[in-house]
């Protein structure tokens, strides 16, 4: 029996896919629990229309992400921290600090999207990755200065 999944089903498929399921499984579990709908002509037509809209949204979001990537790669973020005479910081620079510095420059980037191998503990220039889209990463330059 062909069904359109309304949510991810382990071992069967992901949300929005048209899949073949055993008729008993579909009638007794998937359809009654709202996990899928039967693939009738009307439902398939709606599904195709939704897929078209979803694809258009995906392309728009990807274009926005590419624009953001270009902007992020063209700037340098400056983070000021207290440090000793040898350039060692009192504390460290975290992804939250970088997120705040980006916010001051007009970018709204979640700290979870900033990928750092380790916190910065010295004054200097660094490079971090910012995930702007699932498969797209921007390379952001960060300058840590002493107060």
C-alpha atoms as a PDB file:
ATOM      1  CA  UNK A   1       0.000   0.000   0.000  1.00  0.00           C
ATOM      2  CA  UNK A   2       1.379   3.403  -0.937  1.00  0.00           C
ATOM      3  CA  UNK A   3       1.339   6.042   1.795  1.00  0.00           C
ATOM      4  CA  UNK A   4       2.667   9.573   2.227  1.00  0.00           C
ATOM      5  CA  UNK A   5       4.563   9.945   5.491  1.00  0.00           C
ATOM      6  CA  UNK A   6       3.601  12.872   7.712  1.00  0.00           C
ATOM      7  CA  UNK A   7       6.587  12.280  10.025  1.00  0.00           C
ATOM      8  CA  UNK A   8       9.798  10.242  10.075  1.00  0.00           C
ATOM      9  CA  UNK A   9       9.187   6.519  10.557  1.00  0.00           C
ATOM     10  CA  UNK A  10      12.197   4.406  11.477  1.00  0.00           C
ATOM     11  CA  UNK A  11      12.872   1.718   8.891  1.00  0.00           C
ATOM     12  CA  UNK A  12      10.335   3.144   6.419  1.00  0.00           C
ATOM     13  CA  UNK A  13      11.264   6.703   5.431  1.00  0.00           C
ATOM     14  CA  UNK A  14      11.385  10.383   6.214  1.00  0.00           C
ATOM     15  CA  UNK A  15       8.632  12.976   6.460  1.00  0.00           C
ATOM     16  CA  UNK A  16       7.135  13.942   3.104  1.00  0.00           C
ATOM     17  CA  UNK A  17       8.184  10.776   1.262  1.00  0.00           C
ATOM     18  CA  UNK A  18       5.891   8.542  -0.782  1.00  0.00           C
ATOM     19  CA  UNK A  19       6.648   4.970   0.310  1.00  0.00           C
ATOM     20  CA  UNK A  20       5.316   1.438   0.032  1.00  0.00           C
ATOM     21  CA  UNK A  21       4.201   0.040   3.381  1.00  0.00           C
ATOM     22  CA  UNK A  22       2.624  -3.276   4.201  1.00  0.00           C
ATOM     23  CA  UNK A  23      -1.126  -2.757   4.181  1.00  0.00           C
ATOM     24  CA  UNK A  24      -1.637  -4.067   7.732  1.00  0.00           C
ATOM     25  CA  UNK A  25       1.114  -1.799   9.070  1.00  0.00           C
ATOM     26  CA  UNK A  26      -0.367   1.193   7.261  1.00  0.00           C
ATOM     27  CA  UNK A  27      -4.000   0.538   8.270  1.00  0.00           C
ATOM     28  CA  UNK A  28      -3.314  -0.450  11.878  1.00  0.00           C
ATOM     29  CA  UNK A  29      -0.490   1.876  12.887  1.00  0.00           C
ATOM     30  CA  UNK A  30       0.578   4.559  10.443  1.00  0.00           C
ATOM     31  CA  UNK A  31      -2.775   6.013   9.364  1.00  0.00           C
ATOM     32  CA  UNK A  32      -4.646   5.816  12.730  1.00  0.00           C
ATOM     33  CA  UNK A  33      -1.731   7.433  14.597  1.00  0.00           C
ATOM     34  CA  UNK A  34      -1.415  10.253  12.055  1.00  0.00           C
ATOM     35  CA  UNK A  35       2.007   9.146  10.909  1.00  0.00           C
ATOM     36  CA  UNK A  36       0.916   8.787   7.279  1.00  0.00           C
ATOM     37  CA  UNK A  37      -1.962   9.300   4.890  1.00  0.00           C
ATOM     38  CA  UNK A  38      -3.103   7.003   2.112  1.00  0.00           C
ATOM     39  CA  UNK A  39      -1.709   7.895  -1.312  1.00  0.00           C
ATOM     40  CA  UNK A  40      -4.941   8.641  -3.192  1.00  0.00           C
ATOM     41  CA  UNK A  41      -4.994  10.753  -6.357  1.00  0.00           C
ATOM     42  CA  UNK A  42      -6.018  13.861  -4.403  1.00  0.00           C
ATOM     43  CA  UNK A  43      -3.389  13.324  -1.703  1.00  0.00           C
ATOM     44  CA  UNK A  44      -0.669  12.705  -4.297  1.00  0.00           C
ATOM     45  CA  UNK A  45      -1.625  15.946  -6.082  1.00  0.00           C
ATOM     46  CA  UNK A  46      -1.398  17.873  -2.771  1.00  0.00           C
ATOM     47  CA  UNK A  47       1.893  16.121  -1.965  1.00  0.00           C
ATOM     48  CA  UNK A  48       3.403  17.140  -5.324  1.00  0.00           C
ATOM     49  CA  UNK A  49       2.300  20.743  -4.787  1.00  0.00           C
ATOM     50  CA  UNK A  50       3.779  20.778  -1.256  1.00  0.00           C
ATOM     51  CA  UNK A  51       7.052  19.316  -2.554  1.00  0.00           C
ATOM     52  CA  UNK A  52       7.213  22.070  -5.162  1.00  0.00           C
ATOM     53  CA  UNK A  53       6.694  24.743  -2.467  1.00  0.00           C
ATOM     54  CA  UNK A  54       9.207  23.056  -0.159  1.00  0.00           C
ATOM     55  CA  UNK A  55      11.799  23.010  -2.952  1.00  0.00           C
ATOM     56  CA  UNK A  56      11.233  26.724  -3.696  1.00  0.00           C
ATOM     57  CA  UNK A  57      11.620  27.603  -0.001  1.00  0.00           C
ATOM     58  CA  UNK A  58      14.787  25.514   0.164  1.00  0.00           C
ATOM     59  CA  UNK A  59      16.268  27.398  -2.805  1.00  0.00           C
ATOM     60  CA  UNK A  60      15.338  30.788  -1.264  1.00  0.00           C
ATOM     61  CA  UNK A  61      16.911  29.828   2.062  1.00  0.00           C
ATOM     62  CA  UNK A  62      20.016  28.573   0.289  1.00  0.00           C
ATOM     63  CA  UNK A  63      20.372  31.854  -1.613  1.00  0.00           C
ATOM     64  CA  UNK A  64      20.009  33.822   1.648  1.00  0.00           C
ATOM     65  CA  UNK A  65      22.622  31.586   3.276  1.00  0.00           C
ATOM     66  CA  UNK A  66      25.058  32.177   0.413  1.00  0.00           C
ATOM     67  CA  UNK A  67      24.610  35.936   0.795  1.00  0.00           C
ATOM     68  CA  UNK A  68      25.197  35.666   4.554  1.00  0.00           C
ATOM     69  CA  UNK A  69      28.274  33.527   3.931  1.00  0.00           C
ATOM     70  CA  UNK A  70      29.737  36.201   1.653  1.00  0.00           C
ATOM     71  CA  UNK A  71      29.094  38.926   4.217  1.00  0.00           C
ATOM     72  CA  UNK A  72      30.573  36.916   7.102  1.00  0.00           C
ATOM     73  CA  UNK A  73      33.704  36.045   5.143  1.00  0.00           C
ATOM     74  CA  UNK A  74      34.296  39.713   4.278  1.00  0.00           C
ATOM     75  CA  UNK A  75      34.367  40.991   7.882  1.00  0.00           C
ATOM     76  CA  UNK A  76      36.642  40.578  10.871  1.00  0.00           C
ATOM     77  CA  UNK A  77      35.073  40.359  14.310  1.00  0.00           C
ATOM     78  CA  UNK A  78      36.974  41.985  17.176  1.00  0.00           C
ATOM     79  CA  UNK A  79      36.608  40.576  20.704  1.00  0.00           C
ATOM     80  CA  UNK A  80      38.154  42.528  23.584  1.00  0.00           C
ATOM     81  CA  UNK A  81      39.193  40.657  26.740  1.00  0.00           C
ATOM     82  CA  UNK A  82      41.410  41.372  29.700  1.00  0.00           C
ATOM     83  CA  UNK A  83      44.826  39.790  29.444  1.00  0.00           C
ATOM     84  CA  UNK A  84      48.170  39.626  31.153  1.00  0.00           C
ATOM     85  CA  UNK A  85      51.416  41.136  29.889  1.00  0.00           C
ATOM     86  CA  UNK A  86      52.316  37.940  28.036  1.00  0.00           C
ATOM     87  CA  UNK A  87      49.096  38.027  25.929  1.00  0.00           C
ATOM     88  CA  UNK A  88      47.399  35.251  27.867  1.00  0.00           C
ATOM     89  CA  UNK A  89      43.728  35.997  28.512  1.00  0.00           C
ATOM     90  CA  UNK A  90      42.044  36.019  31.903  1.00  0.00           C
ATOM     91  CA  UNK A  91      39.417  33.484  30.896  1.00  0.00           C
ATOM     92  CA  UNK A  92      38.823  32.606  27.265  1.00  0.00           C
ATOM     93  CA  UNK A  93      36.910  33.619  24.148  1.00  0.00           C
ATOM     94  CA  UNK A  94      33.921  31.330  23.542  1.00  0.00           C
ATOM     95  CA  UNK A  95      31.385  30.985  20.767  1.00  0.00           C
ATOM     96  CA  UNK A  96      29.010  33.094  22.864  1.00  0.00           C
ATOM     97  CA  UNK A  97      31.500  35.984  22.858  1.00  0.00           C
ATOM     98  CA  UNK A  98      31.821  35.732  19.075  1.00  0.00           C
ATOM     99  CA  UNK A  99      28.026  35.587  18.719  1.00  0.00           C
ATOM    100  CA  UNK A 100      27.693  38.798  20.778  1.00  0.00           C
ATOM    101  CA  UNK A 101      30.366  40.513  18.680  1.00  0.00           C
ATOM    102  CA  UNK A 102      28.526  39.497  15.507  1.00  0.00           C
ATOM    103  CA  UNK A 103      25.272  40.813  16.982  1.00  0.00           C
ATOM    104  CA  UNK A 104      26.925  44.198  17.528  1.00  0.00           C
ATOM    105  CA  UNK A 105      27.791  44.237  13.801  1.00  0.00           C
ATOM    106  CA  UNK A 106      24.183  43.467  12.848  1.00  0.00           C
ATOM    107  CA  UNK A 107      24.345  39.689  12.318  1.00  0.00           C
ATOM    108  CA  UNK A 108      22.042  37.334  14.186  1.00  0.00           C
ATOM    109  CA  UNK A 109      24.056  34.107  14.468  1.00  0.00           C
ATOM    110  CA  UNK A 110      23.284  31.494  17.108  1.00  0.00           C
ATOM    111  CA  UNK A 111      26.297  30.487  19.216  1.00  0.00           C
ATOM    112  CA  UNK A 112      25.587  26.826  18.425  1.00  0.00           C
ATOM    113  CA  UNK A 113      26.312  27.479  14.755  1.00  0.00           C
ATOM    114  CA  UNK A 114      29.814  28.752  15.503  1.00  0.00           C
ATOM    115  CA  UNK A 115      32.210  25.823  15.272  1.00  0.00           C
ATOM    116  CA  UNK A 116      35.367  26.156  17.343  1.00  0.00           C
ATOM    117  CA  UNK A 117      37.849  23.376  18.019  1.00  0.00           C
ATOM    118  CA  UNK A 118      38.685  24.968  21.389  1.00  0.00           C
ATOM    119  CA  UNK A 119      38.170  28.278  23.188  1.00  0.00           C
ATOM    120  CA  UNK A 120      40.768  30.970  22.451  1.00  0.00           C
ATOM    121  CA  UNK A 121      43.056  31.657  25.420  1.00  0.00           C
ATOM    122  CA  UNK A 122      45.555  34.081  23.879  1.00  0.00           C
ATOM    123  CA  UNK A 123      45.486  37.435  22.114  1.00  0.00           C
ATOM    124  CA  UNK A 124      45.752  37.098  18.329  1.00  0.00           C
ATOM    125  CA  UNK A 125      43.987  36.377  15.059  1.00  0.00           C
ATOM    126  CA  UNK A 126      41.879  33.258  14.631  1.00  0.00           C
ATOM    127  CA  UNK A 127      39.559  31.690  12.121  1.00  0.00           C
ATOM    128  CA  UNK A 128      36.285  29.929  12.991  1.00  0.00           C
ATOM    129  CA  UNK A 129      33.632  28.185  10.945  1.00  0.00           C
ATOM    130  CA  UNK A 130      30.033  29.402  11.027  1.00  0.00           C
ATOM    131  CA  UNK A 131      27.404  26.965   9.761  1.00  0.00           C
ATOM    132  CA  UNK A 132      24.983  29.103   7.736  1.00  0.00           C
ATOM    133  CA  UNK A 133      23.180  26.184   6.031  1.00  0.00           C
ATOM    134  CA  UNK A 134      23.321  22.397   6.525  1.00  0.00           C
ATOM    135  CA  UNK A 135      26.056  21.897   3.902  1.00  0.00           C
ATOM    136  CA  UNK A 136      27.423  25.458   3.865  1.00  0.00           C
ATOM    137  CA  UNK A 137      30.097  26.867   6.163  1.00  0.00           C
ATOM    138  CA  UNK A 138      31.448  30.431   6.286  1.00  0.00           C
ATOM    139  CA  UNK A 139      35.014  31.107   7.385  1.00  0.00           C
ATOM    140  CA  UNK A 140      34.927  33.997   9.889  1.00  0.00           C
ATOM    141  CA  UNK A 141      38.025  35.910  10.966  1.00  0.00           C
ATOM    142  CA  UNK A 142      38.200  36.722  14.684  1.00  0.00           C
ATOM    143  CA  UNK A 143      40.681  39.137  16.230  1.00  0.00           C
ATOM    144  CA  UNK A 144      41.148  38.865  19.981  1.00  0.00           C
ATOM    145  CA  UNK A 145      42.499  42.095  21.489  1.00  0.00           C
ATOM    146  CA  UNK A 146      43.634  42.981  24.981  1.00  0.00           C
ATOM    147  CA  UNK A 147      41.731  45.629  26.940  1.00  0.00           C
END
